[in-house]
Amino acid sequence: MKKLTILMFILYLYGCSSQKNYDYAITKNYKPDDPELYKKIIIMDSIFFGLYNSCDKNLEKYGDFYLEDIEFYHDKGGLMTSKKDIIEGTQKNVCGKVTRELVKGSVEVYPIKDYGALEIGLHKFHNNTEPPNTESKAGRFMIFWKNVNNDWKIARVVSLH
């Protein structure tokens, strides 16, 4: 019993002394469970963030990607549940100011039975008001894609920086 207590104490101290490391590693040797689904989600991500980066047509097509009951969790901004507020926030804070870059090779896609898919990856946001080639750190993201009659919509987003 005494050895178990000592071991637990050592593990506790080790856990308390660990530091957060925000240099995210790309998952090695990831192979999608469903290669066709992986391709579909990568294409949807590309279209969605292409619209985000270009702010084309007052973000109408961009907004069409979101479900009405969207939940957007942002580590710095908190929770947003209004599709209208997300679109307006993008218009005000992103358009012409920020672009998103997907970290190549970082995306993983997992099917969710009778729902859709979960996309997990790394991305960088570049502040367009800063000098070109200013370093941007990668942050993790998760997007829950819902398949609604073969129309893929974003239901939930988690964005960490």
N, C-alpha and C. Protein backbone atom coordinates (compact mmCIF):
# COMPACT_ATOMS: atom_id res chain seq x y z
N MET A 1 0.82 -1.19 0.00
CA MET A 1 0.00 0.00 0.00
C MET A 1 0.87 1.25 0.00
N LYS A 2 1.95 1.20 0.79
CA LYS A 2 2.84 2.35 0.88
C LYS A 2 3.50 2.63 -0.47
N LYS A 3 3.89 1.57 -1.20
CA LYS A 3 4.52 1.73 -2.52
C LYS A 3 3.54 2.36 -3.50
N LEU A 4 2.27 1.95 -3.44
CA LEU A 4 1.25 2.51 -4.32
C LEU A 4 1.05 4.00 -4.04
N THR A 5 1.04 4.37 -2.77
CA THR A 5 0.88 5.77 -2.38
C THR A 5 2.06 6.60 -2.90
N ILE A 6 3.26 6.08 -2.76
CA ILE A 6 4.46 6.79 -3.25
C ILE A 6 4.40 6.93 -4.76
N LEU A 7 4.02 5.87 -5.46
CA LEU A 7 3.91 5.91 -6.92
C LEU A 7 2.87 6.94 -7.36
N MET A 8 1.74 6.96 -6.70
CA MET A 8 0.70 7.93 -7.04
C MET A 8 1.19 9.35 -6.79
N PHE A 9 1.93 9.56 -5.72
CA PHE A 9 2.46 10.88 -5.41
C PHE A 9 3.46 11.33 -6.48
N ILE A 10 4.32 10.41 -6.91
CA ILE A 10 5.30 10.73 -7.96
C ILE A 10 4.59 11.07 -9.27
N LEU A 11 3.57 10.29 -9.62
CA LEU A 11 2.81 10.57 -10.84
C LEU A 11 2.09 11.91 -10.74
N TYR A 12 1.57 12.22 -9.56
CA TYR A 12 0.92 13.50 -9.34
C TYR A 12 1.90 14.65 -9.55
N LEU A 13 3.09 14.55 -8.94
CA LEU A 13 4.10 15.60 -9.10
C LEU A 13 4.52 15.75 -10.56
N TYR A 14 4.69 14.63 -11.24
CA TYR A 14 5.06 14.67 -12.65
C TYR A 14 3.99 15.40 -13.47
N GLY A 15 2.72 15.07 -13.19
CA GLY A 15 1.63 15.71 -13.91
C GLY A 15 1.55 17.20 -13.62
N CYS A 16 1.82 17.60 -12.41
CA CYS A 16 1.77 19.02 -12.05
C CYS A 16 2.93 19.80 -12.64
N SER A 17 4.04 19.13 -12.87
CA SER A 17 5.22 19.86 -13.36
C SER A 17 5.29 19.91 -14.87
N SER A 18 4.40 19.19 -15.57
CA SER A 18 4.48 19.21 -17.03
C SER A 18 4.07 20.57 -17.56
N GLN A 19 4.72 20.99 -18.61
CA GLN A 19 4.44 22.29 -19.21
C GLN A 19 3.60 22.11 -20.45
N LYS A 20 2.78 23.11 -20.76
CA LYS A 20 2.01 23.08 -21.99
C LYS A 20 2.95 23.32 -23.16
N ASN A 21 2.78 22.54 -24.19
CA ASN A 21 3.58 22.71 -25.39
C ASN A 21 2.64 22.99 -26.55
N TYR A 22 2.73 24.15 -27.13
CA TYR A 22 1.84 24.53 -28.21
C TYR A 22 2.46 24.35 -29.58
N ASP A 23 3.56 23.63 -29.66
CA ASP A 23 4.12 23.24 -30.95
C ASP A 23 3.48 21.90 -31.30
N TYR A 24 2.32 21.98 -31.95
CA TYR A 24 1.53 20.79 -32.20
C TYR A 24 2.19 19.89 -33.22
N ALA A 25 2.23 18.64 -32.92
CA ALA A 25 2.79 17.65 -33.84
C ALA A 25 1.71 17.14 -34.77
N ILE A 26 2.10 16.85 -35.99
CA ILE A 26 1.19 16.25 -36.94
C ILE A 26 1.16 14.75 -36.66
N THR A 27 -0.04 14.19 -36.70
CA THR A 27 -0.16 12.75 -36.46
C THR A 27 0.61 12.00 -37.53
N LYS A 28 1.47 11.11 -37.08
CA LYS A 28 2.26 10.33 -38.02
C LYS A 28 1.49 9.09 -38.44
N ASN A 29 1.68 8.72 -39.67
CA ASN A 29 1.12 7.49 -40.20
C ASN A 29 -0.41 7.45 -40.17
N TYR A 30 -1.07 8.60 -40.20
CA TYR A 30 -2.53 8.62 -40.24
C TYR A 30 -3.00 8.09 -41.59
N LYS A 31 -3.94 7.19 -41.55
CA LYS A 31 -4.58 6.67 -42.75
C LYS A 31 -6.09 6.76 -42.50
N PRO A 32 -6.81 7.44 -43.40
CA PRO A 32 -8.24 7.60 -43.17
C PRO A 32 -8.98 6.26 -43.18
N ASP A 33 -9.97 6.14 -42.29
CA ASP A 33 -10.84 4.96 -42.28
C ASP A 33 -11.64 4.87 -43.57
N ASP A 34 -12.01 6.04 -44.09
CA ASP A 34 -12.83 6.13 -45.30
C ASP A 34 -12.19 7.15 -46.24
N PRO A 35 -11.34 6.69 -47.17
CA PRO A 35 -10.62 7.62 -48.05
C PRO A 35 -11.53 8.55 -48.87
N GLU A 36 -12.70 8.06 -49.28
CA GLU A 36 -13.63 8.91 -50.04
C GLU A 36 -14.20 10.02 -49.17
N LEU A 37 -14.53 9.69 -47.93
CA LEU A 37 -15.02 10.70 -46.99
C LEU A 37 -13.92 11.72 -46.71
N TYR A 38 -12.70 11.25 -46.54
CA TYR A 38 -11.56 12.14 -46.32
C TYR A 38 -11.45 13.15 -47.46
N LYS A 39 -11.49 12.67 -48.70
CA LYS A 39 -11.40 13.56 -49.87
C LYS A 39 -12.54 14.57 -49.88
N LYS A 40 -13.75 14.11 -49.57
CA LYS A 40 -14.93 14.98 -49.55
C LYS A 40 -14.75 16.10 -48.53
N ILE A 41 -14.32 15.75 -47.33
CA ILE A 41 -14.16 16.77 -46.28
C ILE A 41 -13.03 17.73 -46.62
N ILE A 42 -11.94 17.25 -47.20
CA ILE A 42 -10.85 18.13 -47.59
C ILE A 42 -11.34 19.13 -48.65
N ILE A 43 -12.15 18.67 -49.58
CA ILE A 43 -12.71 19.56 -50.60
C ILE A 43 -13.63 20.58 -49.95
N MET A 44 -14.49 20.13 -49.02
CA MET A 44 -15.41 21.06 -48.34
C MET A 44 -14.63 22.09 -47.52
N ASP A 45 -13.58 21.65 -46.83
CA ASP A 45 -12.74 22.57 -46.07
C ASP A 45 -12.13 23.62 -46.99
N SER A 46 -11.64 23.18 -48.13
CA SER A 46 -11.01 24.10 -49.09
C SER A 46 -12.01 25.13 -49.62
N ILE A 47 -13.19 24.68 -49.96
CA ILE A 47 -14.22 25.61 -50.47
C ILE A 47 -14.63 26.58 -49.37
N PHE A 48 -14.92 26.04 -48.19
CA PHE A 48 -15.37 26.87 -47.08
C PHE A 48 -14.35 27.96 -46.73
N PHE A 49 -13.09 27.55 -46.57
CA PHE A 49 -12.09 28.54 -46.17
C PHE A 49 -11.63 29.40 -47.35
N GLY A 50 -11.85 28.95 -48.57
CA GLY A 50 -11.64 29.83 -49.72
C GLY A 50 -12.62 31.00 -49.66
N LEU A 51 -13.87 30.70 -49.31
CA LEU A 51 -14.88 31.75 -49.14
C LEU A 51 -14.54 32.64 -47.95
N TYR A 52 -14.06 32.04 -46.88
CA TYR A 52 -13.65 32.78 -45.68
C TYR A 52 -12.51 33.74 -46.03
N ASN A 53 -11.52 33.26 -46.76
CA ASN A 53 -10.36 34.09 -47.09
C ASN A 53 -10.69 35.20 -48.08
N SER A 54 -11.62 34.94 -48.99
CA SER A 54 -11.92 35.94 -50.02
C SER A 54 -13.08 36.85 -49.65
N CYS A 55 -13.89 36.42 -48.66
CA CYS A 55 -15.08 37.17 -48.26
C CYS A 55 -15.95 37.52 -49.46
N ASP A 56 -16.08 36.58 -50.36
CA ASP A 56 -16.81 36.74 -51.61
C ASP A 56 -18.31 36.91 -51.38
N LYS A 57 -18.92 37.84 -52.11
CA LYS A 57 -20.37 38.06 -52.14
C LYS A 57 -20.98 38.22 -50.75
N ASN A 58 -20.42 39.10 -49.97
CA ASN A 58 -20.94 39.39 -48.62
C ASN A 58 -21.09 38.15 -47.75
N LEU A 59 -20.27 37.17 -48.00
CA LEU A 59 -20.21 35.95 -47.20
C LEU A 59 -21.49 35.11 -47.24
N GLU A 60 -22.31 35.31 -48.26
CA GLU A 60 -23.55 34.54 -48.35
C GLU A 60 -23.28 33.03 -48.49
N LYS A 61 -22.41 32.66 -49.42
CA LYS A 61 -22.09 31.25 -49.61
C LYS A 61 -21.35 30.69 -48.40
N TYR A 62 -20.49 31.50 -47.81
CA TYR A 62 -19.78 31.11 -46.58
C TYR A 62 -20.79 30.76 -45.49
N GLY A 63 -21.77 31.60 -45.30
CA GLY A 63 -22.79 31.39 -44.27
C GLY A 63 -23.65 30.17 -44.54
N ASP A 64 -23.82 29.82 -45.81
CA ASP A 64 -24.62 28.65 -46.16
C ASP A 64 -24.00 27.35 -45.65
N PHE A 65 -22.72 27.35 -45.33
CA PHE A 65 -22.07 26.15 -44.82
C PHE A 65 -22.51 25.82 -43.39
N TYR A 66 -22.94 26.82 -42.64
CA TYR A 66 -23.29 26.62 -41.24
C TYR A 66 -24.74 26.16 -41.08
N LEU A 67 -24.96 25.23 -40.16
CA LEU A 67 -26.33 24.91 -39.75
C LEU A 67 -26.88 26.09 -38.95
N GLU A 68 -28.19 26.19 -38.90
CA GLU A 68 -28.81 27.26 -38.13
C GLU A 68 -28.48 27.15 -36.64
N ASP A 69 -28.33 25.93 -36.13
CA ASP A 69 -28.04 25.75 -34.70
C ASP A 69 -26.55 25.53 -34.45
N ILE A 70 -25.72 26.25 -35.18
CA ILE A 70 -24.26 26.17 -35.07
C ILE A 70 -23.81 26.44 -33.63
N GLU A 71 -22.77 25.73 -33.23
CA GLU A 71 -22.06 26.03 -31.98
C GLU A 71 -20.60 26.21 -32.34
N PHE A 72 -20.07 27.38 -32.05
CA PHE A 72 -18.68 27.70 -32.38
C PHE A 72 -17.95 28.01 -31.08
N TYR A 73 -17.04 27.10 -30.71
CA TYR A 73 -16.27 27.25 -29.47
C TYR A 73 -14.88 27.77 -29.82
N HIS A 74 -14.54 28.92 -29.27
CA HIS A 74 -13.24 29.52 -29.53
C HIS A 74 -12.56 29.77 -28.19
N ASP A 75 -11.32 29.31 -28.07
CA ASP A 75 -10.64 29.42 -26.78
C ASP A 75 -10.49 30.86 -26.31
N LYS A 76 -10.39 31.79 -27.21
CA LYS A 76 -10.22 33.20 -26.82
C LYS A 76 -11.55 33.96 -26.83
N GLY A 77 -12.43 33.64 -27.78
CA GLY A 77 -13.69 34.37 -27.94
C GLY A 77 -14.88 33.76 -27.25
N GLY A 78 -14.77 32.53 -26.78
CA GLY A 78 -15.89 31.90 -26.10
C GLY A 78 -16.81 31.16 -27.07
N LEU A 79 -18.03 30.98 -26.65
CA LEU A 79 -19.03 30.24 -27.42
C LEU A 79 -19.93 31.20 -28.18
N MET A 80 -20.12 30.89 -29.48
CA MET A 80 -21.09 31.62 -30.29
C MET A 80 -22.10 30.61 -30.82
N THR A 81 -23.39 30.96 -30.72
CA THR A 81 -24.44 30.06 -31.18
C THR A 81 -25.35 30.72 -32.20
N SER A 82 -24.99 31.90 -32.65
CA SER A 82 -25.79 32.61 -33.64
C SER A 82 -25.06 32.62 -34.98
N LYS A 83 -25.67 31.97 -35.96
CA LYS A 83 -25.10 31.95 -37.31
C LYS A 83 -24.92 33.38 -37.82
N LYS A 84 -25.91 34.21 -37.59
CA LYS A 84 -25.87 35.61 -38.02
C LYS A 84 -24.68 36.34 -37.37
N ASP A 85 -24.47 36.13 -36.07
CA ASP A 85 -23.36 36.79 -35.37
C ASP A 85 -22.00 36.30 -35.87
N ILE A 86 -21.90 35.02 -36.19
CA ILE A 86 -20.64 34.48 -36.72
C ILE A 86 -20.33 35.12 -38.07
N ILE A 87 -21.33 35.21 -38.93
CA ILE A 87 -21.12 35.81 -40.26
C ILE A 87 -20.77 37.29 -40.12
N GLU A 88 -21.50 38.00 -39.28
CA GLU A 88 -21.19 39.43 -39.07
C GLU A 88 -19.81 39.62 -38.46
N GLY A 89 -19.43 38.76 -37.53
CA GLY A 89 -18.10 38.82 -36.92
C GLY A 89 -17.01 38.57 -37.93
N THR A 90 -17.25 37.64 -38.84
CA THR A 90 -16.29 37.36 -39.91
C THR A 90 -16.16 38.58 -40.81
N GLN A 91 -17.29 39.16 -41.19
CA GLN A 91 -17.29 40.35 -42.04
C GLN A 91 -16.50 41.49 -41.38
N LYS A 92 -16.74 41.70 -40.10
CA LYS A 92 -16.13 42.82 -39.38
C LYS A 92 -14.65 42.57 -39.03
N ASN A 93 -14.31 41.35 -38.60
CA ASN A 93 -12.99 41.10 -38.04
C ASN A 93 -12.03 40.33 -38.93
N VAL A 94 -12.54 39.72 -39.99
CA VAL A 94 -11.70 38.86 -40.82
C VAL A 94 -11.49 39.42 -42.22
N CYS A 95 -12.55 39.82 -42.87
CA CYS A 95 -12.49 40.23 -44.28
C CYS A 95 -11.44 41.32 -44.51
N GLY A 96 -10.47 40.99 -45.35
CA GLY A 96 -9.40 41.93 -45.68
C GLY A 96 -8.32 42.03 -44.61
N LYS A 97 -8.50 41.34 -43.49
CA LYS A 97 -7.56 41.46 -42.38
C LYS A 97 -6.85 40.16 -42.04
N VAL A 98 -7.52 39.02 -42.24
CA VAL A 98 -7.00 37.73 -41.80
C VAL A 98 -7.23 36.69 -42.90
N THR A 99 -6.25 35.83 -43.08
CA THR A 99 -6.44 34.67 -43.94
C THR A 99 -6.04 33.42 -43.18
N ARG A 100 -6.72 32.33 -43.51
CA ARG A 100 -6.46 31.05 -42.87
C ARG A 100 -5.65 30.16 -43.81
N GLU A 101 -4.68 29.47 -43.24
CA GLU A 101 -3.85 28.53 -43.99
C GLU A 101 -3.93 27.18 -43.28
N LEU A 102 -4.31 26.16 -44.02
CA LEU A 102 -4.33 24.80 -43.48
C LEU A 102 -2.91 24.28 -43.43
N VAL A 103 -2.52 23.66 -42.32
CA VAL A 103 -1.19 23.07 -42.22
C VAL A 103 -1.22 21.76 -43.01
N LYS A 104 -0.44 21.73 -44.06
CA LYS A 104 -0.42 20.58 -44.96
C LYS A 104 -0.10 19.28 -44.21
N GLY A 105 -0.90 18.26 -44.49
CA GLY A 105 -0.68 16.95 -43.90
C GLY A 105 -1.20 16.80 -42.48
N SER A 106 -1.92 17.80 -41.97
CA SER A 106 -2.35 17.74 -40.57
C SER A 106 -3.78 17.25 -40.38
N VAL A 107 -4.55 17.15 -41.44
CA VAL A 107 -5.97 16.85 -41.29
C VAL A 107 -6.22 15.35 -41.13
N GLU A 108 -7.08 15.06 -40.17
CA GLU A 108 -7.60 13.72 -39.96
C GLU A 108 -9.11 13.81 -40.04
N VAL A 109 -9.73 12.83 -40.66
CA VAL A 109 -11.18 12.80 -40.80
C VAL A 109 -11.69 11.46 -40.29
N TYR A 110 -12.69 11.53 -39.42
CA TYR A 110 -13.27 10.33 -38.84
C TYR A 110 -14.78 10.32 -39.09
N PRO A 111 -15.29 9.23 -39.65
CA PRO A 111 -16.74 9.13 -39.85
C PRO A 111 -17.47 9.04 -38.52
N ILE A 112 -18.64 9.63 -38.47
CA ILE A 112 -19.53 9.51 -37.31
C ILE A 112 -20.82 8.89 -37.83
N LYS A 113 -21.07 7.67 -37.41
CA LYS A 113 -22.20 6.89 -37.92
C LYS A 113 -23.53 7.66 -37.81
N ASP A 114 -24.27 7.64 -38.88
CA ASP A 114 -25.60 8.25 -38.97
C ASP A 114 -25.59 9.75 -38.67
N TYR A 115 -24.45 10.38 -38.83
CA TYR A 115 -24.35 11.82 -38.58
C TYR A 115 -23.54 12.51 -39.67
N GLY A 116 -22.27 12.15 -39.79
CA GLY A 116 -21.40 12.83 -40.74
C GLY A 116 -19.95 12.51 -40.47
N ALA A 117 -19.20 13.54 -40.11
CA ALA A 117 -17.76 13.34 -39.93
C ALA A 117 -17.19 14.38 -38.98
N LEU A 118 -16.04 14.02 -38.42
CA LEU A 118 -15.26 14.94 -37.60
C LEU A 118 -13.94 15.18 -38.31
N GLU A 119 -13.64 16.46 -38.53
CA GLU A 119 -12.36 16.87 -39.12
C GLU A 119 -11.53 17.48 -38.01
N ILE A 120 -10.30 16.99 -37.87
CA ILE A 120 -9.37 17.51 -36.87
C ILE A 120 -8.10 17.90 -37.60
N GLY A 121 -7.54 19.04 -37.27
CA GLY A 121 -6.30 19.43 -37.94
C GLY A 121 -5.65 20.64 -37.31
N LEU A 122 -4.68 21.15 -38.03
CA LEU A 122 -3.95 22.34 -37.63
C LEU A 122 -4.11 23.40 -38.71
N HIS A 123 -4.22 24.64 -38.26
CA HIS A 123 -4.25 25.75 -39.21
C HIS A 123 -3.58 26.96 -38.60
N LYS A 124 -3.24 27.88 -39.50
CA LYS A 124 -2.62 29.14 -39.09
C LYS A 124 -3.48 30.28 -39.62
N PHE A 125 -3.52 31.35 -38.86
CA PHE A 125 -4.20 32.56 -39.31
C PHE A 125 -3.16 33.65 -39.46
N HIS A 126 -3.17 34.26 -40.62
CA HIS A 126 -2.21 35.31 -40.92
C HIS A 126 -2.90 36.67 -40.86
N ASN A 127 -2.33 37.58 -40.09
CA ASN A 127 -2.83 38.94 -39.99
C ASN A 127 -2.30 39.71 -41.20
N ASN A 128 -3.19 40.08 -42.09
CA ASN A 128 -2.78 40.73 -43.34
C ASN A 128 -2.30 42.17 -43.15
N THR A 129 -2.44 42.68 -41.93
CA THR A 129 -1.93 44.04 -41.67
C THR A 129 -0.47 44.01 -41.22
N GLU A 130 0.05 42.81 -40.97
CA GLU A 130 1.46 42.67 -40.58
C GLU A 130 2.32 42.52 -41.83
N PRO A 131 3.62 42.72 -41.69
CA PRO A 131 4.51 42.56 -42.84
C PRO A 131 4.42 41.14 -43.41
N PRO A 132 4.62 40.99 -44.72
CA PRO A 132 4.60 39.65 -45.33
C PRO A 132 5.61 38.73 -44.64
N ASN A 133 5.29 37.45 -44.62
CA ASN A 133 6.13 36.39 -44.03
C ASN A 133 6.27 36.49 -42.51
N THR A 134 5.40 37.25 -41.86
CA THR A 134 5.40 37.26 -40.40
C THR A 134 4.96 35.88 -39.92
N GLU A 135 5.70 35.32 -38.99
CA GLU A 135 5.43 33.97 -38.51
C GLU A 135 4.07 33.91 -37.82
N SER A 136 3.35 32.84 -38.10
CA SER A 136 2.06 32.58 -37.47
C SER A 136 2.11 31.19 -36.86
N LYS A 137 1.68 31.06 -35.61
CA LYS A 137 1.70 29.76 -34.95
C LYS A 137 0.47 28.95 -35.32
N ALA A 138 0.67 27.65 -35.39
CA ALA A 138 -0.44 26.75 -35.71
C ALA A 138 -1.33 26.56 -34.49
N GLY A 139 -2.60 26.40 -34.75
CA GLY A 139 -3.57 26.09 -33.72
C GLY A 139 -4.42 24.90 -34.15
N ARG A 140 -4.93 24.18 -33.19
CA ARG A 140 -5.78 23.03 -33.47
C ARG A 140 -7.21 23.48 -33.77
N PHE A 141 -7.88 22.66 -34.56
CA PHE A 141 -9.30 22.88 -34.81
C PHE A 141 -10.01 21.54 -34.95
N MET A 142 -11.30 21.57 -34.69
CA MET A 142 -12.18 20.44 -34.94
C MET A 142 -13.45 20.99 -35.57
N ILE A 143 -13.88 20.35 -36.63
CA ILE A 143 -15.14 20.73 -37.28
C ILE A 143 -16.00 19.48 -37.36
N PHE A 144 -17.20 19.57 -36.82
CA PHE A 144 -18.18 18.50 -36.94
C PHE A 144 -19.04 18.80 -38.16
N TRP A 145 -18.90 17.96 -39.17
CA TRP A 145 -19.65 18.10 -40.41
C TRP A 145 -20.87 17.19 -40.35
N LYS A 146 -22.06 17.75 -40.58
CA LYS A 146 -23.29 16.97 -40.58
C LYS A 146 -23.74 16.77 -42.02
N ASN A 147 -24.02 15.52 -42.36
CA ASN A 147 -24.51 15.19 -43.69
C ASN A 147 -26.03 15.27 -43.67
N VAL A 148 -26.57 16.31 -44.30
CA VAL A 148 -28.01 16.52 -44.35
C VAL A 148 -28.46 16.26 -45.79
N ASN A 149 -28.92 15.04 -46.05
CA ASN A 149 -29.36 14.66 -47.40
C ASN A 149 -28.27 14.93 -48.44
N ASN A 150 -27.07 14.49 -48.16
CA ASN A 150 -25.89 14.67 -49.03
C ASN A 150 -25.47 16.13 -49.20
N ASP A 151 -25.90 16.97 -48.31
CA ASP A 151 -25.48 18.37 -48.27
C ASP A 151 -24.72 18.53 -46.94
N TRP A 152 -23.41 18.72 -47.03
CA TRP A 152 -22.56 18.78 -45.84
C TRP A 152 -22.60 20.16 -45.21
N LYS A 153 -22.95 20.20 -43.93
CA LYS A 153 -23.06 21.46 -43.18
C LYS A 153 -22.16 21.40 -41.95
N ILE A 154 -21.71 22.55 -41.53
CA ILE A 154 -20.90 22.67 -40.31
C ILE A 154 -21.85 22.84 -39.14
N ALA A 155 -21.76 21.88 -38.20
CA ALA A 155 -22.64 21.88 -37.04
C ALA A 155 -21.94 22.42 -35.79
N ARG A 156 -20.67 22.06 -35.61
CA ARG A 156 -19.91 22.45 -34.44
C ARG A 156 -18.47 22.75 -34.86
N VAL A 157 -17.88 23.74 -34.22
CA VAL A 157 -16.49 24.09 -34.47
C VAL A 157 -15.82 24.30 -33.13
N VAL A 158 -14.60 23.79 -33.01
CA VAL A 158 -13.74 24.08 -31.86
C VAL A 158 -12.46 24.64 -32.45
N SER A 159 -12.09 25.85 -32.05
CA SER A 159 -10.88 26.49 -32.58
C SER A 159 -10.00 26.91 -31.42
N LEU A 160 -8.77 26.38 -31.42
CA LEU A 160 -7.82 26.65 -30.34
C LEU A 160 -6.57 27.30 -30.92
N HIS A 161 -6.07 28.28 -30.24
CA HIS A 161 -4.86 28.98 -30.75
C HIS A 161 -3.75 28.90 -29.76
